Amino acid sequence: MGRDGSQTVEIRWHGRGGQGAKTACLLLAEAAFFSGKYVQGFPEYGPERMGAPITAYNRISDEKMTVHSNIYTPDHVVVVDETLLHTVDVLKGMKEGGILIINSKHPVEEIRRMLGGYEGKLCIVDAERISTETLGKNFPNTPMLAAVVKASGVLDIDRFTEDMRTSFGHKFRSKPEVIEGNMKALQKTLDEVHVE
């Protein structure tokens, strides 16, 4: 629930510069906007450089939002680079019942141990494997975007898939293979991902 009583979902992204966390955050905002939602998608800027930790945020609501601050108590947290689990308190402020969505090859039990026995909802995505299989390179942002939508239920999956095809079609008009690769990455993630 938002502060104004509306149903607002807040998501915090953790990644490293150059991994596409900011891009995925903005794509989620775009998809939510296409779905008729009120949205905010914004990175937190500091002295970023390639590989430096970055944070980005989404607010998605059915009603107009009056809050424009950073997100301190997110419903869900997305970690695009699992090495951040050792240096950033990714769970800080996360609401009870929220979902932690992590890009990792490690099994759930190992991630829970890394997080000091975290017992909340967890969604593990091997975004490197998925993107390598579908795009030929490690581009974790597309699989992580799909994982957020599937795990959180914040958007209708069919509408999201259609909207992303349109979005990728505009962005990569002259590269149909990139459009298809991204769509395959989305679909593969949507098929594989689940919350534990």
N, C-alpha and C. Protein backbone atom coordinates (compact mmCIF):
# COMPACT_ATOMS: atom_id res chain seq x y z
N MET A 1 0.84 -1.19 0.00
CA MET A 1 0.00 0.00 0.00
C MET A 1 0.88 1.25 0.00
N GLY A 2 0.53 2.19 -0.83
CA GLY A 2 1.27 3.43 -0.84
C GLY A 2 0.91 4.29 0.35
N ARG A 3 1.69 5.33 0.57
CA ARG A 3 1.45 6.22 1.71
C ARG A 3 0.13 6.94 1.58
N ASP A 4 -0.33 7.13 0.34
CA ASP A 4 -1.59 7.84 0.13
C ASP A 4 -2.78 6.87 0.08
N GLY A 5 -2.55 5.57 0.43
CA GLY A 5 -3.63 4.60 0.45
C GLY A 5 -3.78 3.82 -0.85
N SER A 6 -3.11 4.26 -1.92
CA SER A 6 -3.21 3.55 -3.19
C SER A 6 -2.29 2.33 -3.18
N GLN A 7 -2.53 1.45 -4.11
CA GLN A 7 -1.71 0.26 -4.24
C GLN A 7 -0.45 0.64 -5.02
N THR A 8 0.66 0.81 -4.33
CA THR A 8 1.92 1.18 -4.96
C THR A 8 2.95 0.11 -4.66
N VAL A 9 3.67 -0.30 -5.70
CA VAL A 9 4.74 -1.28 -5.53
C VAL A 9 6.06 -0.55 -5.72
N GLU A 10 6.96 -0.73 -4.75
CA GLU A 10 8.28 -0.08 -4.81
C GLU A 10 9.36 -1.13 -4.95
N ILE A 11 10.27 -0.90 -5.91
CA ILE A 11 11.33 -1.86 -6.22
C ILE A 11 12.67 -1.13 -6.20
N ARG A 12 13.64 -1.75 -5.54
CA ARG A 12 15.00 -1.20 -5.52
C ARG A 12 15.92 -2.16 -6.28
N TRP A 13 16.73 -1.61 -7.16
CA TRP A 13 17.68 -2.38 -7.96
C TRP A 13 19.10 -2.12 -7.47
N HIS A 14 19.89 -3.18 -7.38
CA HIS A 14 21.32 -3.06 -7.08
C HIS A 14 22.10 -3.72 -8.22
N GLY A 15 23.07 -3.00 -8.74
CA GLY A 15 23.91 -3.55 -9.80
C GLY A 15 25.24 -2.85 -9.81
N ARG A 16 25.96 -3.07 -10.89
CA ARG A 16 27.22 -2.36 -11.10
C ARG A 16 27.12 -1.61 -12.42
N GLY A 17 27.81 -0.47 -12.48
CA GLY A 17 27.79 0.34 -13.70
C GLY A 17 28.16 -0.51 -14.92
N GLY A 18 27.35 -0.42 -15.96
CA GLY A 18 27.62 -1.14 -17.19
C GLY A 18 26.90 -2.48 -17.31
N GLN A 19 26.19 -2.91 -16.26
CA GLN A 19 25.49 -4.21 -16.31
C GLN A 19 24.04 -4.09 -16.77
N GLY A 20 23.54 -2.88 -16.88
CA GLY A 20 22.18 -2.70 -17.38
C GLY A 20 21.10 -2.62 -16.32
N ALA A 21 21.46 -2.48 -15.05
CA ALA A 21 20.44 -2.35 -14.00
C ALA A 21 19.59 -1.10 -14.23
N LYS A 22 20.24 0.01 -14.57
CA LYS A 22 19.51 1.25 -14.82
C LYS A 22 18.59 1.08 -16.03
N THR A 23 19.09 0.44 -17.09
CA THR A 23 18.30 0.21 -18.29
C THR A 23 17.09 -0.65 -17.97
N ALA A 24 17.28 -1.74 -17.20
CA ALA A 24 16.17 -2.62 -16.84
C ALA A 24 15.14 -1.87 -16.02
N CYS A 25 15.59 -1.04 -15.10
CA CYS A 25 14.69 -0.22 -14.28
C CYS A 25 13.84 0.69 -15.17
N LEU A 26 14.46 1.32 -16.14
CA LEU A 26 13.73 2.22 -17.03
C LEU A 26 12.80 1.46 -17.97
N LEU A 27 13.22 0.26 -18.40
CA LEU A 27 12.34 -0.57 -19.23
C LEU A 27 11.11 -1.02 -18.45
N LEU A 28 11.29 -1.34 -17.17
CA LEU A 28 10.15 -1.71 -16.34
C LEU A 28 9.19 -0.53 -16.22
N ALA A 29 9.73 0.66 -16.03
CA ALA A 29 8.88 1.86 -15.95
C ALA A 29 8.11 2.06 -17.26
N GLU A 30 8.79 1.85 -18.38
CA GLU A 30 8.15 2.00 -19.69
C GLU A 30 7.02 0.98 -19.86
N ALA A 31 7.31 -0.28 -19.51
CA ALA A 31 6.29 -1.34 -19.65
C ALA A 31 5.09 -1.06 -18.75
N ALA A 32 5.34 -0.58 -17.54
CA ALA A 32 4.25 -0.26 -16.62
C ALA A 32 3.42 0.90 -17.16
N PHE A 33 4.09 1.88 -17.74
CA PHE A 33 3.40 3.02 -18.35
C PHE A 33 2.50 2.56 -19.49
N PHE A 34 3.03 1.67 -20.36
CA PHE A 34 2.24 1.12 -21.47
C PHE A 34 1.00 0.40 -20.94
N SER A 35 1.12 -0.19 -19.73
CA SER A 35 0.01 -0.93 -19.13
C SER A 35 -1.02 -0.01 -18.46
N GLY A 36 -0.79 1.30 -18.54
CA GLY A 36 -1.75 2.24 -17.97
C GLY A 36 -1.49 2.57 -16.51
N LYS A 37 -0.31 2.21 -16.01
CA LYS A 37 0.02 2.50 -14.61
C LYS A 37 0.71 3.86 -14.51
N TYR A 38 0.72 4.40 -13.30
CA TYR A 38 1.54 5.56 -13.00
C TYR A 38 2.90 5.02 -12.56
N VAL A 39 3.97 5.61 -13.06
CA VAL A 39 5.29 5.02 -12.82
C VAL A 39 6.34 6.07 -12.49
N GLN A 40 7.35 5.58 -11.80
CA GLN A 40 8.60 6.31 -11.63
C GLN A 40 9.72 5.30 -11.82
N GLY A 41 10.74 5.69 -12.54
CA GLY A 41 11.92 4.86 -12.71
C GLY A 41 13.12 5.78 -12.74
N PHE A 42 14.02 5.62 -11.77
CA PHE A 42 15.13 6.57 -11.69
C PHE A 42 16.34 5.94 -11.00
N PRO A 43 17.53 6.26 -11.51
CA PRO A 43 18.75 5.81 -10.84
C PRO A 43 19.15 6.81 -9.76
N GLU A 44 19.95 6.32 -8.81
CA GLU A 44 20.53 7.20 -7.80
C GLU A 44 21.94 7.48 -8.27
N TYR A 45 22.20 8.73 -8.60
CA TYR A 45 23.50 9.05 -9.16
C TYR A 45 24.51 9.44 -8.10
N GLY A 46 25.70 8.97 -8.28
CA GLY A 46 26.85 9.33 -7.47
C GLY A 46 28.03 9.35 -8.43
N PRO A 47 29.22 9.11 -7.93
CA PRO A 47 30.39 9.12 -8.82
C PRO A 47 30.54 7.77 -9.54
N GLU A 48 29.49 7.36 -10.30
CA GLU A 48 29.51 6.04 -10.94
C GLU A 48 30.60 5.94 -11.99
N ARG A 49 31.10 4.75 -12.09
CA ARG A 49 32.01 4.41 -13.17
C ARG A 49 31.76 2.95 -13.48
N MET A 50 32.27 2.48 -14.58
CA MET A 50 32.08 1.09 -14.97
C MET A 50 32.48 0.17 -13.82
N GLY A 51 31.56 -0.68 -13.40
CA GLY A 51 31.84 -1.64 -12.34
C GLY A 51 31.53 -1.16 -10.94
N ALA A 52 31.27 0.14 -10.76
CA ALA A 52 30.96 0.66 -9.42
C ALA A 52 29.51 0.32 -9.07
N PRO A 53 29.22 0.10 -7.78
CA PRO A 53 27.84 -0.20 -7.37
C PRO A 53 26.90 0.96 -7.72
N ILE A 54 25.72 0.61 -8.24
CA ILE A 54 24.70 1.61 -8.53
C ILE A 54 23.36 1.14 -7.94
N THR A 55 22.48 2.08 -7.73
CA THR A 55 21.14 1.77 -7.22
C THR A 55 20.14 2.48 -8.13
N ALA A 56 19.04 1.79 -8.40
CA ALA A 56 17.96 2.40 -9.19
C ALA A 56 16.64 2.00 -8.54
N TYR A 57 15.59 2.74 -8.88
CA TYR A 57 14.31 2.56 -8.19
C TYR A 57 13.13 2.60 -9.17
N ASN A 58 12.09 1.84 -8.83
CA ASN A 58 10.80 1.91 -9.52
C ASN A 58 9.69 2.07 -8.51
N ARG A 59 8.73 2.93 -8.85
CA ARG A 59 7.44 2.98 -8.16
C ARG A 59 6.40 2.75 -9.23
N ILE A 60 5.47 1.84 -8.96
CA ILE A 60 4.42 1.52 -9.91
C ILE A 60 3.10 1.55 -9.15
N SER A 61 2.14 2.31 -9.68
CA SER A 61 0.87 2.48 -8.95
C SER A 61 -0.30 2.59 -9.91
N ASP A 62 -1.48 2.27 -9.41
CA ASP A 62 -2.70 2.45 -10.19
C ASP A 62 -3.22 3.89 -10.07
N GLU A 63 -2.65 4.64 -9.15
CA GLU A 63 -3.09 6.02 -8.93
C GLU A 63 -1.90 6.96 -8.97
N LYS A 64 -2.18 8.24 -9.18
CA LYS A 64 -1.10 9.24 -9.21
C LYS A 64 -0.32 9.19 -7.91
N MET A 65 0.99 9.40 -8.03
CA MET A 65 1.86 9.36 -6.86
C MET A 65 2.33 10.77 -6.53
N THR A 66 2.39 11.04 -5.24
CA THR A 66 2.87 12.35 -4.81
C THR A 66 4.26 12.27 -4.19
N VAL A 67 4.75 11.05 -3.96
CA VAL A 67 6.08 10.85 -3.36
C VAL A 67 7.12 10.79 -4.49
N HIS A 68 8.21 11.53 -4.33
CA HIS A 68 9.24 11.55 -5.36
C HIS A 68 10.64 11.34 -4.77
N SER A 69 10.71 10.70 -3.62
CA SER A 69 12.01 10.48 -2.96
C SER A 69 12.58 9.13 -3.37
N ASN A 70 13.80 8.85 -2.91
CA ASN A 70 14.35 7.52 -3.07
C ASN A 70 13.45 6.53 -2.33
N ILE A 71 13.68 5.26 -2.54
CA ILE A 71 12.85 4.23 -1.90
C ILE A 71 13.65 3.61 -0.76
N TYR A 72 13.13 3.74 0.44
CA TYR A 72 13.84 3.26 1.63
C TYR A 72 13.26 1.97 2.19
N THR A 73 11.99 1.67 1.85
CA THR A 73 11.36 0.43 2.32
C THR A 73 10.72 -0.27 1.12
N PRO A 74 11.57 -0.87 0.25
CA PRO A 74 11.04 -1.47 -0.98
C PRO A 74 10.21 -2.72 -0.71
N ASP A 75 9.25 -2.95 -1.61
CA ASP A 75 8.49 -4.20 -1.57
C ASP A 75 9.37 -5.34 -2.07
N HIS A 76 10.17 -5.05 -3.09
CA HIS A 76 11.03 -6.06 -3.71
C HIS A 76 12.40 -5.47 -3.97
N VAL A 77 13.42 -6.33 -3.93
CA VAL A 77 14.79 -5.90 -4.19
C VAL A 77 15.38 -6.81 -5.28
N VAL A 78 16.03 -6.18 -6.25
CA VAL A 78 16.65 -6.89 -7.36
C VAL A 78 18.16 -6.72 -7.27
N VAL A 79 18.90 -7.82 -7.33
CA VAL A 79 20.36 -7.77 -7.28
C VAL A 79 20.89 -8.34 -8.60
N VAL A 80 21.42 -7.47 -9.44
CA VAL A 80 21.89 -7.88 -10.77
C VAL A 80 23.28 -8.50 -10.69
N ASP A 81 24.05 -8.16 -9.66
CA ASP A 81 25.40 -8.71 -9.48
C ASP A 81 25.53 -9.26 -8.06
N GLU A 82 25.60 -10.59 -7.95
CA GLU A 82 25.59 -11.20 -6.62
C GLU A 82 26.83 -10.87 -5.79
N THR A 83 27.91 -10.37 -6.40
CA THR A 83 29.07 -9.99 -5.59
C THR A 83 28.71 -8.84 -4.64
N LEU A 84 27.65 -8.11 -4.95
CA LEU A 84 27.21 -7.02 -4.08
C LEU A 84 26.66 -7.54 -2.75
N LEU A 85 26.30 -8.82 -2.68
CA LEU A 85 25.79 -9.38 -1.43
C LEU A 85 26.83 -9.28 -0.32
N HIS A 86 28.12 -9.21 -0.70
CA HIS A 86 29.21 -9.15 0.29
C HIS A 86 29.56 -7.72 0.70
N THR A 87 29.06 -6.73 -0.07
CA THR A 87 29.48 -5.35 0.19
C THR A 87 28.33 -4.37 0.43
N VAL A 88 27.12 -4.74 0.02
CA VAL A 88 25.97 -3.84 0.14
C VAL A 88 24.89 -4.56 0.95
N ASP A 89 24.24 -3.84 1.86
CA ASP A 89 23.13 -4.43 2.62
C ASP A 89 21.88 -4.38 1.75
N VAL A 90 21.74 -5.39 0.86
CA VAL A 90 20.65 -5.38 -0.10
C VAL A 90 19.29 -5.56 0.56
N LEU A 91 19.27 -6.12 1.76
CA LEU A 91 18.00 -6.34 2.47
C LEU A 91 17.53 -5.13 3.27
N LYS A 92 18.36 -4.11 3.34
CA LYS A 92 18.06 -2.94 4.17
C LYS A 92 16.69 -2.35 3.82
N GLY A 93 15.82 -2.31 4.83
CA GLY A 93 14.51 -1.69 4.68
C GLY A 93 13.48 -2.50 3.93
N MET A 94 13.84 -3.67 3.42
CA MET A 94 12.89 -4.45 2.62
C MET A 94 11.69 -4.87 3.47
N LYS A 95 10.50 -4.67 2.91
CA LYS A 95 9.27 -4.99 3.63
C LYS A 95 9.13 -6.50 3.83
N GLU A 96 8.54 -6.86 4.96
CA GLU A 96 8.25 -8.26 5.22
C GLU A 96 7.30 -8.75 4.14
N GLY A 97 7.57 -9.94 3.62
CA GLY A 97 6.75 -10.48 2.53
C GLY A 97 7.26 -10.09 1.16
N GLY A 98 8.28 -9.23 1.13
CA GLY A 98 8.88 -8.83 -0.15
C GLY A 98 9.69 -9.97 -0.75
N ILE A 99 10.05 -9.80 -2.01
CA ILE A 99 10.81 -10.82 -2.73
C ILE A 99 12.19 -10.28 -3.07
N LEU A 100 13.21 -11.07 -2.77
CA LEU A 100 14.58 -10.76 -3.15
C LEU A 100 14.87 -11.54 -4.43
N ILE A 101 15.19 -10.82 -5.50
CA ILE A 101 15.41 -11.42 -6.81
C ILE A 101 16.89 -11.26 -7.15
N ILE A 102 17.61 -12.38 -7.27
CA ILE A 102 19.07 -12.33 -7.41
C ILE A 102 19.53 -13.06 -8.67
N ASN A 103 20.45 -12.44 -9.39
CA ASN A 103 21.12 -13.06 -10.52
C ASN A 103 22.25 -13.93 -9.95
N SER A 104 22.09 -15.24 -10.02
CA SER A 104 23.10 -16.13 -9.45
C SER A 104 22.99 -17.53 -10.05
N LYS A 105 24.11 -18.24 -10.03
CA LYS A 105 24.13 -19.66 -10.40
C LYS A 105 24.00 -20.53 -9.15
N HIS A 106 24.15 -19.92 -7.98
CA HIS A 106 24.15 -20.67 -6.72
C HIS A 106 22.76 -21.16 -6.35
N PRO A 107 22.68 -22.30 -5.66
CA PRO A 107 21.38 -22.78 -5.19
C PRO A 107 20.83 -21.88 -4.08
N VAL A 108 19.53 -21.97 -3.89
CA VAL A 108 18.82 -21.14 -2.92
C VAL A 108 19.44 -21.23 -1.53
N GLU A 109 19.75 -22.46 -1.08
CA GLU A 109 20.30 -22.65 0.27
C GLU A 109 21.61 -21.87 0.45
N GLU A 110 22.44 -21.87 -0.58
CA GLU A 110 23.73 -21.17 -0.48
C GLU A 110 23.52 -19.65 -0.41
N ILE A 111 22.58 -19.14 -1.21
CA ILE A 111 22.27 -17.70 -1.16
C ILE A 111 21.73 -17.33 0.22
N ARG A 112 20.87 -18.16 0.78
CA ARG A 112 20.34 -17.89 2.12
C ARG A 112 21.48 -17.83 3.15
N ARG A 113 22.45 -18.72 3.02
CA ARG A 113 23.61 -18.70 3.93
C ARG A 113 24.42 -17.42 3.74
N MET A 114 24.65 -17.04 2.48
CA MET A 114 25.40 -15.80 2.19
C MET A 114 24.73 -14.59 2.85
N LEU A 115 23.40 -14.66 2.98
CA LEU A 115 22.64 -13.55 3.55
C LEU A 115 22.38 -13.74 5.04
N GLY A 116 23.18 -14.58 5.68
CA GLY A 116 23.08 -14.75 7.13
C GLY A 116 21.82 -15.46 7.58
N GLY A 117 21.33 -16.40 6.76
CA GLY A 117 20.15 -17.16 7.14
C GLY A 117 18.83 -16.51 6.74
N TYR A 118 18.85 -15.65 5.74
CA TYR A 118 17.63 -14.99 5.25
C TYR A 118 16.55 -16.04 5.00
N GLU A 119 15.36 -15.80 5.55
CA GLU A 119 14.26 -16.77 5.44
C GLU A 119 13.11 -16.27 4.58
N GLY A 120 13.25 -15.09 4.01
CA GLY A 120 12.16 -14.52 3.20
C GLY A 120 12.06 -15.14 1.82
N LYS A 121 11.18 -14.55 1.02
CA LYS A 121 10.95 -15.04 -0.34
C LYS A 121 12.16 -14.73 -1.21
N LEU A 122 12.54 -15.71 -2.02
CA LEU A 122 13.76 -15.60 -2.82
C LEU A 122 13.50 -16.12 -4.22
N CYS A 123 14.01 -15.41 -5.19
CA CYS A 123 13.90 -15.81 -6.59
C CYS A 123 15.30 -15.74 -7.18
N ILE A 124 15.82 -16.90 -7.60
CA ILE A 124 17.16 -16.96 -8.19
C ILE A 124 17.03 -17.06 -9.71
N VAL A 125 17.78 -16.23 -10.42
CA VAL A 125 17.77 -16.22 -11.88
C VAL A 125 19.21 -16.36 -12.37
N ASP A 126 19.47 -17.33 -13.22
CA ASP A 126 20.80 -17.43 -13.83
C ASP A 126 20.77 -16.61 -15.11
N ALA A 127 20.81 -15.29 -14.94
CA ALA A 127 20.68 -14.36 -16.06
C ALA A 127 21.84 -14.48 -17.04
N GLU A 128 23.03 -14.84 -16.53
CA GLU A 128 24.18 -15.00 -17.44
C GLU A 128 23.93 -16.15 -18.40
N ARG A 129 23.49 -17.28 -17.87
CA ARG A 129 23.23 -18.45 -18.72
C ARG A 129 22.12 -18.13 -19.73
N ILE A 130 21.03 -17.55 -19.25
CA ILE A 130 19.90 -17.26 -20.13
C ILE A 130 20.30 -16.29 -21.24
N SER A 131 20.98 -15.21 -20.88
CA SER A 131 21.35 -14.23 -21.91
C SER A 131 22.40 -14.78 -22.87
N THR A 132 23.32 -15.60 -22.37
CA THR A 132 24.33 -16.19 -23.25
C THR A 132 23.66 -17.15 -24.25
N GLU A 133 22.69 -17.93 -23.76
CA GLU A 133 21.99 -18.87 -24.64
C GLU A 133 21.13 -18.16 -25.68
N THR A 134 20.55 -17.03 -25.33
CA THR A 134 19.59 -16.37 -26.23
C THR A 134 20.16 -15.17 -26.99
N LEU A 135 21.16 -14.50 -26.39
CA LEU A 135 21.73 -13.29 -27.01
C LEU A 135 23.19 -13.46 -27.40
N GLY A 136 23.80 -14.55 -26.96
CA GLY A 136 25.20 -14.80 -27.31
C GLY A 136 26.20 -14.08 -26.44
N LYS A 137 25.73 -13.28 -25.48
CA LYS A 137 26.60 -12.54 -24.56
C LYS A 137 25.91 -12.41 -23.22
N ASN A 138 26.69 -12.01 -22.21
CA ASN A 138 26.14 -11.82 -20.88
C ASN A 138 25.53 -10.42 -20.76
N PHE A 139 24.23 -10.33 -21.04
CA PHE A 139 23.46 -9.11 -20.84
C PHE A 139 22.38 -9.44 -19.82
N PRO A 140 22.65 -9.27 -18.52
CA PRO A 140 21.70 -9.72 -17.50
C PRO A 140 20.42 -8.91 -17.39
N ASN A 141 20.37 -7.71 -17.97
CA ASN A 141 19.22 -6.84 -17.72
C ASN A 141 17.90 -7.40 -18.25
N THR A 142 17.87 -8.00 -19.44
CA THR A 142 16.60 -8.52 -19.96
C THR A 142 16.06 -9.67 -19.11
N PRO A 143 16.87 -10.68 -18.76
CA PRO A 143 16.34 -11.72 -17.88
C PRO A 143 15.92 -11.18 -16.50
N MET A 144 16.67 -10.23 -15.95
CA MET A 144 16.31 -9.70 -14.63
C MET A 144 14.99 -8.92 -14.70
N LEU A 145 14.78 -8.20 -15.79
CA LEU A 145 13.53 -7.48 -15.99
C LEU A 145 12.35 -8.47 -16.00
N ALA A 146 12.49 -9.54 -16.77
CA ALA A 146 11.42 -10.55 -16.84
C ALA A 146 11.20 -11.20 -15.48
N ALA A 147 12.28 -11.46 -14.75
CA ALA A 147 12.17 -12.09 -13.43
C ALA A 147 11.40 -11.21 -12.46
N VAL A 148 11.65 -9.90 -12.50
CA VAL A 148 10.94 -8.97 -11.62
C VAL A 148 9.44 -9.00 -11.91
N VAL A 149 9.09 -8.95 -13.19
CA VAL A 149 7.68 -8.93 -13.57
C VAL A 149 7.00 -10.24 -13.15
N LYS A 150 7.65 -11.37 -13.40
CA LYS A 150 7.06 -12.67 -13.06
C LYS A 150 6.96 -12.85 -11.54
N ALA A 151 8.05 -12.59 -10.83
CA ALA A 151 8.07 -12.83 -9.38
C ALA A 151 7.12 -11.89 -8.63
N SER A 152 7.08 -10.64 -9.03
CA SER A 152 6.30 -9.64 -8.29
C SER A 152 4.83 -9.62 -8.67
N GLY A 153 4.53 -10.04 -9.90
CA GLY A 153 3.15 -9.96 -10.38
C GLY A 153 2.67 -8.54 -10.60
N VAL A 154 3.61 -7.61 -10.72
CA VAL A 154 3.26 -6.19 -10.82
C VAL A 154 2.60 -5.84 -12.16
N LEU A 155 2.85 -6.65 -13.21
CA LEU A 155 2.24 -6.42 -14.52
C LEU A 155 1.68 -7.72 -15.07
N ASP A 156 0.69 -7.61 -15.93
CA ASP A 156 0.15 -8.76 -16.63
C ASP A 156 1.23 -9.29 -17.58
N ILE A 157 1.54 -10.58 -17.51
CA ILE A 157 2.65 -11.17 -18.27
C ILE A 157 2.43 -11.05 -19.78
N ASP A 158 1.23 -11.36 -20.26
CA ASP A 158 0.98 -11.30 -21.71
C ASP A 158 1.12 -9.88 -22.24
N ARG A 159 0.55 -8.94 -21.50
CA ARG A 159 0.64 -7.53 -21.92
C ARG A 159 2.10 -7.07 -21.88
N PHE A 160 2.82 -7.46 -20.84
CA PHE A 160 4.24 -7.11 -20.69
C PHE A 160 5.03 -7.64 -21.89
N THR A 161 4.80 -8.89 -22.27
CA THR A 161 5.53 -9.49 -23.39
C THR A 161 5.26 -8.74 -24.68
N GLU A 162 4.00 -8.42 -24.93
CA GLU A 162 3.64 -7.65 -26.13
C GLU A 162 4.31 -6.28 -26.13
N ASP A 163 4.23 -5.60 -24.98
CA ASP A 163 4.81 -4.25 -24.89
C ASP A 163 6.32 -4.27 -25.07
N MET A 164 6.97 -5.31 -24.55
CA MET A 164 8.44 -5.39 -24.70
C MET A 164 8.81 -5.68 -26.15
N ARG A 165 8.01 -6.46 -26.86
CA ARG A 165 8.28 -6.69 -28.29
C ARG A 165 8.21 -5.36 -29.04
N THR A 166 7.22 -4.54 -28.72
CA THR A 166 7.09 -3.22 -29.35
C THR A 166 8.29 -2.34 -29.00
N SER A 167 8.64 -2.34 -27.71
CA SER A 167 9.76 -1.52 -27.25
C SER A 167 11.08 -1.94 -27.91
N PHE A 168 11.36 -3.24 -27.88
CA PHE A 168 12.60 -3.74 -28.52
C PHE A 168 12.57 -3.45 -30.03
N GLY A 169 11.37 -3.53 -30.63
CA GLY A 169 11.23 -3.25 -32.06
C GLY A 169 11.63 -1.83 -32.41
N HIS A 170 11.28 -0.89 -31.52
CA HIS A 170 11.68 0.51 -31.75
C HIS A 170 13.18 0.70 -31.51
N LYS A 171 13.68 0.11 -30.43
CA LYS A 171 15.09 0.33 -30.05
C LYS A 171 16.07 -0.34 -31.02
N PHE A 172 15.69 -1.52 -31.51
CA PHE A 172 16.61 -2.30 -32.34
C PHE A 172 16.03 -2.54 -33.74
N ARG A 173 15.38 -1.52 -34.27
CA ARG A 173 14.70 -1.62 -35.57
C ARG A 173 15.57 -2.25 -36.64
N SER A 174 16.84 -1.88 -36.69
CA SER A 174 17.72 -2.38 -37.75
C SER A 174 18.44 -3.67 -37.37
N LYS A 175 18.10 -4.24 -36.22
CA LYS A 175 18.76 -5.47 -35.76
C LYS A 175 17.71 -6.50 -35.33
N PRO A 176 17.02 -7.12 -36.29
CA PRO A 176 15.97 -8.08 -35.92
C PRO A 176 16.46 -9.24 -35.05
N GLU A 177 17.73 -9.61 -35.22
CA GLU A 177 18.27 -10.71 -34.41
C GLU A 177 18.37 -10.32 -32.93
N VAL A 178 18.60 -9.03 -32.65
CA VAL A 178 18.65 -8.55 -31.27
C VAL A 178 17.24 -8.53 -30.67
N ILE A 179 16.25 -8.15 -31.48
CA ILE A 179 14.86 -8.17 -31.01
C ILE A 179 14.48 -9.59 -30.63
N GLU A 180 14.75 -10.54 -31.53
CA GLU A 180 14.38 -11.94 -31.27
C GLU A 180 15.15 -12.51 -30.09
N GLY A 181 16.44 -12.17 -29.98
CA GLY A 181 17.25 -12.65 -28.86
C GLY A 181 16.70 -12.17 -27.52
N ASN A 182 16.33 -10.89 -27.47
CA ASN A 182 15.77 -10.33 -26.23
C ASN A 182 14.42 -10.96 -25.91
N MET A 183 13.60 -11.20 -26.92
CA MET A 183 12.31 -11.83 -26.69
C MET A 183 12.49 -13.27 -26.19
N LYS A 184 13.47 -13.97 -26.74
CA LYS A 184 13.75 -15.34 -26.27
C LYS A 184 14.24 -15.31 -24.82
N ALA A 185 15.08 -14.32 -24.49
CA ALA A 185 15.58 -14.19 -23.11
C ALA A 185 14.42 -13.92 -22.16
N LEU A 186 13.50 -13.04 -22.55
CA LEU A 186 12.33 -12.76 -21.72
C LEU A 186 11.50 -14.03 -21.50
N GLN A 187 11.20 -14.72 -22.60
CA GLN A 187 10.33 -15.89 -22.50
C GLN A 187 10.97 -17.01 -21.70
N LYS A 188 12.26 -17.24 -21.93
CA LYS A 188 12.97 -18.30 -21.20
C LYS A 188 12.94 -18.00 -19.69
N THR A 189 13.16 -16.75 -19.34
CA THR A 189 13.13 -16.37 -17.92
C THR A 189 11.73 -16.54 -17.35
N LEU A 190 10.73 -16.07 -18.08
CA LEU A 190 9.34 -16.20 -17.61
C LEU A 190 8.97 -17.67 -17.40
N ASP A 191 9.49 -18.55 -18.26
CA ASP A 191 9.20 -19.98 -18.14
C ASP A 191 9.91 -20.61 -16.95
N GLU A 192 11.13 -20.16 -16.67
CA GLU A 192 11.97 -20.81 -15.66
C GLU A 192 11.80 -20.28 -14.24
N VAL A 193 11.51 -19.00 -14.11
CA VAL A 193 11.61 -18.33 -12.82
C VAL A 193 10.47 -18.70 -11.88
N HIS A 194 10.80 -18.87 -10.61
CA HIS A 194 9.78 -19.08 -9.57
C HIS A 194 10.33 -18.58 -8.24
N VAL A 195 9.43 -18.34 -7.32
CA VAL A 195 9.79 -17.80 -6.02
C VAL A 195 9.81 -18.93 -4.99
N GLU A 196 10.86 -18.96 -4.16
CA GLU A 196 10.97 -19.99 -3.12
C GLU A 196 10.91 -19.36 -1.74
